[in-house]
Protein backbone atom coordinates (compact mmCIF):
# COMPACT_ATOMS: atom_id res chain seq x y z
CA UNK A 1 -52.05 96.13 -10.52
CA UNK A 2 -50.61 92.86 -10.27
CA UNK A 3 -52.14 89.64 -8.96
CA UNK A 4 -50.89 86.05 -8.71
CA UNK A 5 -54.26 83.64 -8.73
CA UNK A 6 -53.71 80.55 -7.11
CA UNK A 7 -56.32 77.68 -7.67
CA UNK A 8 -56.26 76.02 -4.17
CA UNK A 9 -58.03 73.56 -2.24
CA UNK A 10 -57.62 75.33 1.05
CA UNK A 11 -55.64 78.52 1.90
CA UNK A 12 -55.85 80.43 5.27
CA UNK A 13 -54.07 84.00 6.25
CA UNK A 14 -52.91 84.20 10.27
CA UNK A 15 -51.65 86.91 11.85
CA UNK A 16 -49.97 86.63 15.74
CA UNK A 17 -51.46 83.11 15.23
CA UNK A 18 -54.90 84.10 14.47
CA UNK A 19 -56.76 83.24 11.58
CA UNK A 20 -57.94 86.10 9.49
CA UNK A 21 -58.84 84.31 6.73
CA UNK A 22 -59.37 80.88 6.04
CA UNK A 23 -61.48 79.07 2.87
CA UNK A 24 -61.44 75.56 1.70
CA UNK A 25 -61.98 75.53 -2.44
CA UNK A 26 -61.12 78.51 -4.65
CA UNK A 27 -58.64 81.17 -5.24
CA UNK A 28 -55.40 82.38 -3.46
CA UNK A 29 -55.34 86.11 -4.93
CA UNK A 30 -51.96 87.70 -3.87
CA UNK A 31 -52.34 91.54 -5.01
CA UNK A 32 -50.13 94.27 -5.55
CA UNK A 33 -51.08 97.61 -6.11
CA UNK A 34 -48.58 100.79 -7.47
CA UNK A 35 -49.31 104.15 -7.20
CA UNK A 36 -50.64 104.88 -10.81
CA UNK A 37 -53.58 102.12 -9.98
CA UNK A 38 -57.32 103.03 -10.38
CA UNK A 39 -60.91 101.87 -10.20
CA UNK A 40 -60.48 101.29 -13.86
CA UNK A 41 -57.43 98.58 -12.68
CA UNK A 42 -59.92 96.84 -10.02
CA UNK A 43 -63.23 96.64 -12.15
CA UNK A 44 -60.73 94.58 -15.19
CA UNK A 45 -59.19 92.64 -12.61
CA UNK A 46 -61.95 91.87 -10.50
CA UNK A 47 -64.28 90.78 -13.69
CA UNK A 48 -61.01 88.32 -15.17
CA UNK A 49 -60.27 86.83 -11.53
CA UNK A 50 -63.90 86.07 -11.48
CA UNK A 51 -64.71 84.80 -14.32
CA UNK A 52 -61.57 83.13 -15.21
CA UNK A 53 -62.14 79.19 -15.99
CA UNK A 54 -59.73 77.53 -14.34
CA UNK A 55 -62.12 74.68 -12.33
CA UNK A 56 -62.32 71.90 -13.80
CA UNK A 57 -65.95 70.50 -15.22
CA UNK A 58 -66.90 67.08 -15.12
CA UNK A 59 -64.22 65.84 -17.95
CA UNK A 60 -61.28 67.17 -16.09
CA UNK A 61 -61.41 70.25 -18.51
CA UNK A 62 -60.62 73.89 -16.81
CA UNK A 63 -64.03 74.93 -17.99
CA UNK A 64 -65.36 76.40 -14.95
CA UNK A 65 -65.01 79.85 -13.05
CA UNK A 66 -65.07 80.33 -9.92
CA UNK A 67 -68.31 81.56 -9.44
CA UNK A 68 -69.35 78.13 -11.04
CA UNK A 69 -68.26 76.19 -8.67
CA UNK A 70 -69.05 78.22 -5.94
CA UNK A 71 -65.69 78.86 -4.20
CA UNK A 72 -63.86 81.04 -2.18
CA UNK A 73 -61.37 83.98 -2.56
CA UNK A 74 -58.47 85.02 0.05
CA UNK A 75 -57.46 88.30 -0.57
CA UNK A 76 -53.95 88.89 0.61
CA UNK A 77 -52.52 91.99 -0.22
CA UNK A 78 -48.92 91.69 -1.36
CA UNK A 79 -46.43 95.14 -1.95
CA UNK A 80 -43.52 92.75 -2.40
CA UNK A 81 -45.21 91.70 -6.46
CA UNK A 82 -43.72 95.39 -7.33
CA UNK A 83 -40.17 94.27 -6.12
CA UNK A 84 -37.43 95.89 -8.49
CA UNK A 85 -33.99 93.81 -8.69
CA UNK A 86 -32.12 95.56 -11.62
CA UNK A 87 -29.41 97.07 -9.40
CA UNK A 88 -27.77 94.89 -6.57
CA UNK A 89 -28.96 92.32 -4.24
CA UNK A 90 -31.64 93.94 -2.00
CA UNK A 91 -35.22 94.96 -3.79
CA UNK A 92 -36.61 98.19 -4.37
CA UNK A 93 -40.37 98.51 -3.76
CA UNK A 94 -40.58 102.06 -5.19
CA UNK A 95 -42.99 101.35 -7.64
CA UNK A 96 -45.79 99.75 -4.94
CA UNK A 97 -48.24 102.24 -3.58
CA UNK A 98 -47.96 103.86 0.07
CA UNK A 99 -50.66 102.87 2.09
CA UNK A 100 -53.04 105.29 1.89
CA UNK A 101 -53.32 104.98 -1.21
CA UNK A 102 -52.92 101.24 -1.30
CA UNK A 103 -55.35 100.20 1.53
CA UNK A 104 -58.76 102.30 -0.06
CA UNK A 105 -57.76 100.20 -3.21
CA UNK A 106 -57.14 96.72 -1.42
CA UNK A 107 -60.29 97.25 0.14
CA UNK A 108 -62.22 97.87 -3.16
CA UNK A 109 -60.97 95.28 -4.45
CA UNK A 110 -62.17 93.04 -2.03
CA UNK A 111 -65.84 94.48 -1.91
CA UNK A 112 -65.96 94.49 -6.09
CA UNK A 113 -64.93 90.50 -5.79
CA UNK A 114 -67.58 89.82 -3.17
CA UNK A 115 -70.14 91.70 -5.20
CA UNK A 116 -69.27 89.70 -8.11
CA UNK A 117 -69.06 86.23 -6.59
CA UNK A 118 -72.08 87.02 -3.88
CA UNK A 119 -70.32 85.93 -0.75
CA UNK A 120 -67.70 87.53 1.31
CA UNK A 121 -64.18 87.39 0.66
CA UNK A 122 -62.04 86.34 3.41
CA UNK A 123 -58.73 88.65 3.92
CA UNK A 124 -55.64 89.33 5.94
CA UNK A 125 -54.57 92.45 7.40
CA UNK A 126 -53.12 95.60 5.30
CA UNK A 127 -49.45 95.56 6.31
CA UNK A 128 -49.34 93.13 8.57
CA UNK A 129 -46.57 90.00 9.14
CA UNK A 130 -48.88 87.58 7.47
CA UNK A 131 -48.60 83.91 7.91
CA UNK A 132 -49.95 82.22 4.56
CA UNK A 133 -51.04 78.37 4.30
CA UNK A 134 -51.97 77.01 0.92
CA UNK A 135 -52.59 73.65 -1.00
CA UNK A 136 -51.81 74.85 -4.54
CA UNK A 137 -54.47 72.79 -6.45
CA UNK A 138 -53.03 71.36 -9.94
CA UNK A 139 -51.02 73.46 -9.24
CA UNK A 140 -52.71 76.60 -11.29
CA UNK A 141 -50.85 79.47 -11.03
CA UNK A 142 -51.61 82.52 -12.87
CA UNK A 143 -50.41 86.25 -13.28
CA UNK A 144 -51.86 89.49 -14.04
CA UNK A 145 -50.77 93.11 -14.57
CA UNK A 146 -53.44 95.35 -15.35
CA UNK A 147 -50.55 97.98 -16.90
CA UNK A 148 -50.34 94.56 -19.44
CA UNK A 149 -53.81 93.92 -20.28
CA UNK A 150 -53.34 92.89 -23.99
CA UNK A 151 -51.35 90.25 -22.77
CA UNK A 152 -54.20 88.77 -20.49
């Protein structure tokens, strides 16, 4: 499972010109799911996201988590995080999980984050053509991979 986590002052997702998710201060999380991912990956990553201290404290230091600042999360499915570009110029997405595997894990991630933050998580629509708008705050962008935990 891969995630691109961006600290934002606001972010939104539209599908067919209708908002599916909209937040103010918080995190935009782009989530890629691969075939080998399990609930263990969800639990580890959700805990890391909820506890990342990437929000400023009163001294301007990144010492607060999304929970500490009562922020929100916009969670977007992003199979292209598993693009393989080794051969040629057209990416292959063979490592990305098929919808029948990915959708339940994506929904479980939203549920886990919701429980950790004790609030609803905003989402996109899995597999839809989405338009994402955001204002990256900082900018702060963190990339995580559950298959490489020792480096995160």
